[in-house]
Amino acid sequence: MWKALSQPAKIIIPLFIGLCFPWMSRASFMVRWLLVVMLLNACLGIKFSGLKIRLYHWYLLAANLAIGVLAWLLACWFCGGNTEVAKAVFFTAISPTATAAPVVIAFLGGNVATVLMGFLISDLGISLFLIGLLPLVTGQLKWEFVNEVFLNIAFVMALPVFLSRVLLHFWPWLADFAKYKIAPHALWAWSIMLLILGGMARKTFDEQEISAVTILLQIGCATLAVCILNFFAGWLIGPRRCKLESSQLLGQKNTSFTIYLAITFASPVAALGPLFYILWHNSWNAIQMFQFEKRRQSKAARFISARARDTHTEAKHITP
């Protein structure tokens, strides 16, 4: 039982520690590097010749865009013109697939290659559509963010892919080394990242003079609803053999990307939406890991028990 809890604990505990210590946000420069390290480790174990675009990848992209726009419109209507809450909901719902999604799927025993392909399509597609959507939501158009979006995607996505191909070209044995030696400990990089993001969230809360608790409740409840909708819609859209992967692609969000966009082009209050979502989707990931680890241990116990029975039966047959 304790071993099954160890994986989700590496997610929940660092996040809450970070929320207690806002000075952790000083290490925010490490977030992108940690994402690169995690994705590089995942890429080392993938044969890119096997990456294929599936029809449901496009369905997931369309669903991401639709949920983002509809959630924003509904928030504008329900919140009585409170544009800050509506913006917080928009930046949460429109977030593309998280860079760490392939890493999480690897821990859950899913198909990493299909999630990586979905991640590429999601981040590129959402980034392109945001060029037209951001002026509608913020009421302003600043083309400077286009270059920042490109640099962000190139850094956290193209760099690990390029490095993995170069490293495997010269040292092919790194594929097995990453899979069997590094992968079991890769979650620690994610734990450190969550520790920093928790500190960033706490700092943002401390810096905001929000007297109305109802605003926080509205943002928290709305983003929780968006989180549940995303994971459920992804599960419905995905084909039978890729339910887990599709759910993860739509549910696990690149909140660090939209937090940056919200702070840069809207307001820190709007950034509270993606910050809440960090708690929601990581809590669900923790539950998933607990369930997976529990099933794995149960399966291993049954296998050992079956082997013991077989050995005992063979011994009885051999005994004269």
Protein backbone atom coordinates (compact mmCIF):
# COMPACT_ATOMS: atom_id res chain seq x y z
CA MET A 1 0.00 0.00 0.00
CA TRP A 2 2.75 2.46 0.92
CA LYS A 3 4.60 1.73 -2.31
CA ALA A 4 1.42 2.42 -4.28
CA LEU A 5 1.12 5.79 -2.54
CA SER A 6 4.73 6.79 -3.24
CA GLN A 7 4.14 7.86 -6.86
CA PRO A 8 1.13 10.16 -6.23
CA ALA A 9 2.89 11.50 -3.12
CA LYS A 10 5.67 12.80 -5.37
CA ILE A 11 3.01 14.95 -7.06
CA ILE A 12 0.78 16.17 -4.22
CA ILE A 13 3.41 16.78 -1.51
CA PRO A 14 5.78 19.00 -3.57
CA LEU A 15 2.83 21.06 -4.84
CA PHE A 16 1.57 21.79 -1.31
CA ILE A 17 5.09 22.46 0.00
CA GLY A 18 5.51 25.01 -2.78
CA LEU A 19 2.19 26.63 -1.82
CA CYS A 20 3.58 27.10 1.70
CA PHE A 21 6.83 28.72 0.57
CA PRO A 22 6.39 31.47 -2.06
CA TRP A 23 10.17 32.01 -2.25
CA MET A 24 10.31 28.78 -4.26
CA SER A 25 9.16 30.91 -7.20
CA ARG A 26 12.69 32.32 -7.42
CA ALA A 27 13.66 29.10 -9.20
CA SER A 28 11.04 29.66 -11.93
CA PHE A 29 13.81 29.74 -14.55
CA MET A 30 14.30 26.00 -13.95
CA VAL A 31 10.79 25.01 -15.07
CA ARG A 32 11.56 25.00 -18.79
CA TRP A 33 14.80 23.09 -18.25
CA LEU A 34 13.03 20.47 -16.16
CA LEU A 35 10.43 20.07 -18.89
CA VAL A 36 13.23 19.61 -21.43
CA VAL A 37 14.88 16.95 -19.27
CA MET A 38 11.64 15.01 -18.82
CA LEU A 39 10.71 15.14 -22.50
CA LEU A 40 14.26 14.25 -23.56
CA ASN A 41 14.11 11.12 -21.43
CA ALA A 42 10.76 10.19 -23.02
CA CYS A 43 12.08 10.87 -26.55
CA LEU A 44 15.10 8.63 -26.05
CA GLY A 45 12.82 5.63 -25.82
CA ILE A 46 10.72 6.45 -28.89
CA LYS A 47 11.24 5.41 -32.49
CA PHE A 48 10.05 8.49 -34.32
CA SER A 49 9.55 6.45 -37.47
CA GLY A 50 6.57 4.95 -35.64
CA LEU A 51 4.88 8.31 -34.93
CA LYS A 52 1.61 8.59 -36.84
CA ILE A 53 -1.08 11.25 -36.95
CA ARG A 54 -4.44 9.72 -36.12
CA LEU A 55 -7.87 11.17 -36.87
CA TYR A 56 -8.69 11.48 -33.18
CA HIS A 57 -5.66 13.79 -32.76
CA TRP A 58 -7.52 16.35 -34.86
CA TYR A 59 -10.77 15.69 -32.95
CA LEU A 60 -8.93 16.40 -29.69
CA LEU A 61 -7.52 19.66 -31.09
CA ALA A 62 -11.00 20.74 -32.20
CA ALA A 63 -12.42 19.81 -28.78
CA ASN A 64 -9.70 21.81 -27.03
CA LEU A 65 -10.54 24.90 -29.07
CA ALA A 66 -14.30 24.44 -28.68
CA ILE A 67 -14.11 23.95 -24.91
CA GLY A 68 -11.85 27.00 -24.58
CA VAL A 69 -14.17 29.33 -26.48
CA LEU A 70 -17.43 27.96 -25.03
CA ALA A 71 -16.09 28.03 -21.47
CA TRP A 72 -15.13 31.68 -21.95
CA LEU A 73 -18.58 32.61 -23.34
CA LEU A 74 -20.39 30.74 -20.55
CA ALA A 75 -18.17 32.37 -17.91
CA CYS A 76 -18.97 35.82 -19.35
CA TRP A 77 -22.66 35.02 -19.09
CA PHE A 78 -22.71 33.38 -15.65
CA CYS A 79 -20.32 35.85 -14.00
CA GLY A 80 -22.40 38.87 -14.94
CA GLY A 81 -19.77 40.63 -16.99
CA ASN A 82 -16.83 39.91 -14.67
CA THR A 83 -14.26 39.77 -17.44
CA GLU A 84 -11.40 38.80 -15.10
CA VAL A 85 -13.11 35.55 -14.09
CA ALA A 86 -14.03 34.88 -17.71
CA LYS A 87 -10.42 35.42 -18.79
CA ALA A 88 -9.21 33.08 -16.05
CA VAL A 89 -11.56 30.39 -17.37
CA PHE A 90 -10.47 31.01 -20.96
CA PHE A 91 -6.74 30.75 -20.28
CA THR A 92 -7.42 27.54 -18.37
CA ALA A 93 -9.64 25.83 -20.94
CA ILE A 94 -7.61 26.87 -24.00
CA SER A 95 -4.33 25.51 -22.61
CA PRO A 96 -2.70 22.95 -24.93
CA THR A 97 -1.46 19.53 -23.90
CA ALA A 98 1.21 19.59 -21.19
CA THR A 99 4.82 18.85 -22.06
CA ALA A 100 4.80 16.34 -19.21
CA ALA A 101 1.87 14.34 -20.68
CA PRO A 102 4.16 11.77 -22.39
CA VAL A 103 6.00 11.38 -19.09
CA VAL A 104 2.77 10.72 -17.17
CA ILE A 105 1.55 8.23 -19.77
CA ALA A 106 4.87 6.40 -19.48
CA PHE A 107 4.28 6.01 -15.73
CA LEU A 108 0.72 4.79 -16.42
CA GLY A 109 1.91 2.19 -18.93
CA GLY A 110 0.25 3.86 -21.94
CA ASN A 111 1.39 4.54 -25.50
CA VAL A 112 3.96 7.33 -25.25
CA ALA A 113 4.34 7.75 -29.02
CA THR A 114 0.67 8.56 -29.64
CA VAL A 115 0.66 11.07 -26.77
CA LEU A 116 3.81 12.72 -28.09
CA MET A 117 2.20 13.10 -31.53
CA GLY A 118 -0.93 14.54 -29.92
CA PHE A 119 1.20 16.92 -27.87
CA LEU A 120 2.93 18.23 -31.01
CA ILE A 121 -0.38 18.82 -32.80
CA SER A 122 -2.01 20.41 -29.74
CA ASP A 123 0.75 22.86 -28.89
CA LEU A 124 1.33 23.94 -32.49
CA GLY A 125 -2.39 24.17 -33.29
CA ILE A 126 -3.43 26.03 -30.14
CA SER A 127 -0.51 28.45 -30.45
CA LEU A 128 -1.55 29.34 -34.00
CA PHE A 129 -5.22 29.82 -33.08
CA LEU A 130 -4.30 31.99 -30.09
CA ILE A 131 -3.04 34.62 -32.50
CA GLY A 132 -6.65 35.27 -33.46
CA LEU A 133 -8.31 34.38 -30.15
CA LEU A 134 -6.24 36.56 -27.80
CA PRO A 135 -7.40 39.87 -29.32
CA LEU A 136 -11.04 38.78 -28.84
CA VAL A 137 -10.53 37.84 -25.20
CA THR A 138 -8.18 40.63 -24.09
CA GLY A 139 -9.40 43.35 -26.41
CA GLN A 140 -5.89 44.09 -27.58
CA LEU A 141 -3.45 42.82 -30.17
CA LYS A 142 0.27 42.54 -29.38
CA TRP A 143 2.22 40.72 -32.03
CA GLU A 144 5.28 40.48 -29.77
CA PHE A 145 3.87 37.37 -28.17
CA VAL A 146 4.09 35.46 -31.48
CA ASN A 147 7.86 35.32 -31.23
CA GLU A 148 7.65 34.35 -27.56
CA VAL A 149 5.21 31.53 -28.37
CA PHE A 150 7.51 30.24 -31.09
CA LEU A 151 10.58 30.33 -28.83
CA ASN A 152 8.70 28.60 -26.00
CA ILE A 153 7.52 25.75 -28.21
CA ALA A 154 10.88 25.40 -29.96
CA PHE A 155 12.71 25.24 -26.66
CA VAL A 156 10.54 22.74 -24.79
CA MET A 157 9.60 20.61 -27.79
CA ALA A 158 12.09 20.83 -30.66
CA LEU A 159 15.22 20.87 -28.50
CA PRO A 160 14.54 17.53 -26.72
CA VAL A 161 13.57 15.88 -30.01
CA PHE A 162 16.73 17.12 -31.72
CA LEU A 163 18.99 16.17 -28.80
CA SER A 164 17.48 12.68 -28.56
CA ARG A 165 18.15 11.99 -32.23
CA VAL A 166 21.75 13.22 -31.98
CA LEU A 167 22.46 11.24 -28.80
CA LEU A 168 20.94 8.02 -30.17
CA HIS A 169 22.88 8.40 -33.42
CA PHE A 170 26.20 8.28 -31.56
CA TRP A 171 25.17 6.17 -28.53
CA PRO A 172 22.23 3.83 -29.38
CA TRP A 173 22.53 2.14 -25.98
CA LEU A 174 21.08 5.30 -24.38
CA ALA A 175 17.57 4.13 -25.38
CA ASP A 176 17.73 1.17 -22.97
CA PHE A 177 19.62 3.21 -20.38
CA ALA A 178 16.89 5.89 -20.36
CA LYS A 179 14.13 3.27 -20.19
CA TYR A 180 15.49 1.07 -17.43
CA LYS A 181 17.83 3.34 -15.42
CA ILE A 182 16.49 6.90 -15.73
CA ALA A 183 12.75 6.46 -16.32
CA PRO A 184 12.00 4.98 -12.84
CA HIS A 185 13.42 8.17 -11.28
CA ALA A 186 12.20 10.71 -13.85
CA LEU A 187 9.20 11.65 -11.70
CA TRP A 188 11.57 13.45 -9.33
CA ALA A 189 12.13 16.11 -12.02
CA TRP A 190 8.39 16.59 -12.20
CA SER A 191 8.23 16.83 -8.40
CA ILE A 192 10.80 19.63 -8.41
CA MET A 193 8.85 21.43 -11.14
CA LEU A 194 5.62 21.18 -9.12
CA LEU A 195 7.45 22.51 -6.07
CA ILE A 196 8.44 25.61 -8.06
CA LEU A 197 4.98 26.02 -9.64
CA GLY A 198 3.42 25.80 -6.18
CA GLY A 199 5.69 28.62 -5.02
CA MET A 200 4.72 30.67 -8.08
CA ALA A 201 1.04 30.09 -7.32
CA ARG A 202 1.45 31.18 -3.69
CA LYS A 203 3.37 34.30 -4.71
CA THR A 204 0.62 35.24 -7.16
CA PHE A 205 -2.03 34.82 -4.46
CA ASP A 206 -0.02 36.91 -2.00
CA GLU A 207 0.49 39.71 -4.51
CA GLN A 208 -3.21 40.00 -5.35
CA GLU A 209 -5.42 42.12 -3.12
CA ILE A 210 -8.58 40.14 -3.71
CA SER A 211 -11.11 40.99 -1.04
CA ALA A 212 -14.01 39.07 -2.58
CA VAL A 213 -13.64 35.39 -1.74
CA THR A 214 -16.41 34.70 -4.23
CA ILE A 215 -14.02 35.48 -7.11
CA LEU A 216 -11.64 32.78 -5.96
CA LEU A 217 -14.52 30.36 -5.47
CA GLN A 218 -15.85 31.13 -8.94
CA ILE A 219 -12.48 30.56 -10.57
CA GLY A 220 -11.80 27.42 -8.52
CA CYS A 221 -15.18 25.82 -9.23
CA ALA A 222 -15.15 26.79 -12.91
CA THR A 223 -11.66 25.38 -13.51
CA LEU A 224 -12.58 22.18 -11.65
CA ALA A 225 -15.56 21.77 -13.98
CA VAL A 226 -13.30 22.38 -16.98
CA CYS A 227 -10.85 19.77 -15.70
CA ILE A 228 -13.56 17.11 -15.28
CA LEU A 229 -14.99 17.96 -18.71
CA ASN A 230 -11.58 17.72 -20.39
CA PHE A 231 -10.66 14.30 -19.03
CA PHE A 232 -14.16 12.93 -19.70
CA ALA A 233 -14.41 14.39 -23.23
CA GLY A 234 -10.96 13.04 -24.09
CA TRP A 235 -12.05 9.59 -22.92
CA LEU A 236 -15.16 9.76 -25.13
CA ILE A 237 -13.28 11.00 -28.21
CA GLY A 238 -10.48 8.43 -28.05
CA PRO A 239 -10.81 5.05 -29.77
CA ARG A 240 -11.19 1.92 -27.66
CA ARG A 241 -7.45 1.20 -27.38
CA CYS A 242 -6.44 4.80 -26.69
CA LYS A 243 -8.97 5.98 -24.11
CA LEU A 244 -6.32 6.67 -21.48
CA GLU A 245 -4.04 8.51 -23.91
CA SER A 246 -6.86 10.66 -25.35
CA SER A 247 -8.11 11.57 -21.89
CA GLN A 248 -4.60 12.61 -20.86
CA LEU A 249 -4.05 14.64 -24.04
CA LEU A 250 -7.14 16.74 -23.44
CA GLY A 251 -7.06 16.81 -19.65
CA GLN A 252 -3.42 17.46 -18.75
CA LYS A 253 -2.69 21.08 -19.62
CA ASN A 254 0.42 23.13 -20.31
CA THR A 255 -0.54 25.67 -17.64
CA SER A 256 2.93 27.21 -17.44
CA PHE A 257 2.44 28.38 -21.04
CA THR A 258 -0.98 29.96 -20.44
CA ILE A 259 0.07 31.42 -17.08
CA TYR A 260 2.73 33.35 -19.00
CA LEU A 261 0.17 34.49 -21.61
CA ALA A 262 -2.36 35.49 -18.94
CA ILE A 263 0.15 37.57 -16.96
CA THR A 264 1.60 39.16 -20.11
CA PHE A 265 -1.57 39.94 -22.04
CA ALA A 266 -4.37 39.98 -19.44
CA SER A 267 -3.80 40.23 -15.67
CA PRO A 268 -2.44 38.22 -12.72
CA VAL A 269 -6.04 37.50 -11.70
CA ALA A 270 -6.59 35.77 -15.04
CA ALA A 271 -3.52 33.65 -14.30
CA LEU A 272 -5.28 32.23 -11.23
CA GLY A 273 -7.31 29.97 -13.51
CA PRO A 274 -4.34 27.93 -14.81
CA LEU A 275 -2.89 27.99 -11.28
CA PHE A 276 -6.03 26.33 -9.90
CA TYR A 277 -5.91 23.84 -12.76
CA ILE A 278 -2.42 22.76 -11.65
CA LEU A 279 -4.02 21.47 -8.45
CA TRP A 280 -6.97 19.78 -10.19
CA HIS A 281 -5.20 17.90 -12.98
CA ASN A 282 -2.24 16.89 -10.82
CA SER A 283 -4.64 15.56 -8.17
CA TRP A 284 -6.29 13.39 -10.83
CA ASN A 285 -2.88 12.26 -12.09
CA ALA A 286 -1.97 11.29 -8.54
CA ILE A 287 -5.14 9.20 -8.26
CA GLN A 288 -4.38 7.55 -11.61
CA MET A 289 -0.85 6.66 -10.52
CA PHE A 290 -2.10 5.25 -7.23
CA GLN A 291 -4.63 3.04 -9.02
CA PHE A 292 -2.08 1.91 -11.62
CA GLU A 293 0.55 1.08 -9.01
CA LYS A 294 -2.02 -0.79 -6.93
CA ARG A 295 -3.11 -2.87 -9.95
CA ARG A 296 0.50 -3.56 -10.86
CA GLN A 297 1.31 -4.80 -7.36
CA SER A 298 -1.82 -6.95 -7.32
CA LYS A 299 -0.90 -8.48 -10.67
CA ALA A 300 2.66 -9.15 -9.50
CA ALA A 301 1.35 -10.79 -6.31
CA ARG A 302 -0.96 -13.06 -8.31
CA PHE A 303 1.90 -14.00 -10.63
CA ILE A 304 4.18 -14.89 -7.71
CA SER A 305 1.39 -16.89 -6.09
CA ALA A 306 0.73 -18.80 -9.32
CA ARG A 307 4.44 -19.57 -9.76
CA ALA A 308 4.61 -20.82 -6.17
CA ARG A 309 1.65 -23.16 -6.77
CA ASP A 310 3.20 -24.45 -10.00
CA THR A 311 6.51 -25.08 -8.25
CA HIS A 312 4.74 -26.92 -5.42
CA THR A 313 2.82 -29.07 -7.92
CA GLU A 314 5.98 -29.93 -9.85
CA ALA A 315 7.71 -30.90 -6.60
CA LYS A 316 4.86 -33.26 -5.70
CA HIS A 317 5.13 -34.97 -9.10
CA ILE A 318 8.88 -35.40 -8.82
CA THR A 319 8.75 -36.79 -5.28
CA PRO A 320 8.67 -40.65 -5.53
